[in-house]
Amino acid sequence: MNIFFASDNKFVQHLCVSIASILYNAASTDEFIFYILDSNISEKNKQKIMKLKSIKNFEIEFIKVSDEMFKDCPITKDCSHITKQTYYRYIIPIIKPELDKCLYLDCDIVVEDSLSSLWQKDIEDYYVAAVEELHYETSIDAKRLNLDTMFNAGILLINLKKWKEQNITNQLFKNTAELSKLNKLRWQDQDVLNYTFKNQVLFVEPKYNLQCNAYYDGWLNKYTQEELESAKIAPVIIHYNSCYKPWSNQCKHPLWKRYYNYLKITPFKLDYYKWKIGYYKIKYNMLKTIFSISNGNMHKIIKFFGITFKFKSEKLKQRKINEELKTEIDILKQDLINIKNKLSDKEGINV
């Protein structure tokens, strides 16, 4: 399988998690060549990716890409959490002309099963195979681009042969400029890909791209509710496609913990424990602001949501009496010592 990712240094950890999950759940007959569209990934991080061969062997090629090629490709207001690397897929047919088919995967995914069933889909008559976009505003977005529905571009099985024959790379750049000029670009490259391919898309089962909105107020046009429920039970690819990822505190995807299952088998595994420690610190500090118990002089003091309650405590009262009694005894002892010393000095009496 020829699998493309695009990443910079900031996303290498998540790239490692994605690759680790693919290798961990691969069939014994699966073979992989990973192509990393590289935006200045350091040698140190490249070596970390190479260490994933301990899970299952693979081939890999880092292909340096300059953002200068994409200077006219905008980052839209709704996609401020996404980088220029998302546009890198445009040039795959140019940088790898010998390939006729590939998988393009975003880095914010984990794979739960072999990718062979997706890889074997017949896309001879299609530009791509993809899963429908399940965002609740998909019907509005499709209307904006004069389409019936839209696919999510995070997971694509690409017919590179067809892309090369029809010079799709140039068309994608041209349509990016056109949609931007018409102020019709909202989901940046995803809008462009949908607009360009129109009805020549093979929609595959939602299990190949289980998005956040599958669990909430999502849009369903191509799928039945039964197909969606089946995808939730046995997803092949889990996609953390909102702006809130598993490594943030606000991730809404119910399967966010799966990310950490695979993080633990990567060279970034220590980050898992750092995250866990940080998580419990936050929980502890939150708990302290909501609820706390302390001791006063003779009261238990309980604070709950900023309201203070005092309760008399016989134990604290007795402790207070004992402390006062001890103090008085200590004073008396000191007085006796002082009297003894004075008598000894004045009378020469050994008391």
Foldseek 3Di string as FASTA:
>chain_A
DEEEEEDEQVLLLLLLLAVLLQLQAADPPDAYEYEYAYAHHDPVSVVLSCVSCVSPHYHYHYHYDDCVVVPVQDQAPQRPLDDSRVLVVLCVCVVCVVDQKYKYAYSQKGFNHHCVVVQPDDQVQAQKEFAFFFALCQCVLCVLLVARGFGDPRIIIGRSNVCVVVVVSVQLVVQSNVCVVVVSDHPGSRSSVCSVRGPRYHYDQCLAELEQSLPPNTDDDPDDVVSSVVSVVRRRMYGQPHSDGLLHPPRRRPVRCVSLVSSCVGPNNVVSVVSVVVVVVVVVVVCCCAWDWDDDQQWIWIAGNNDIDTDGDPVSVVVNVVVVVVVVVVVVVVVVVVVQVVCCVPVVDND
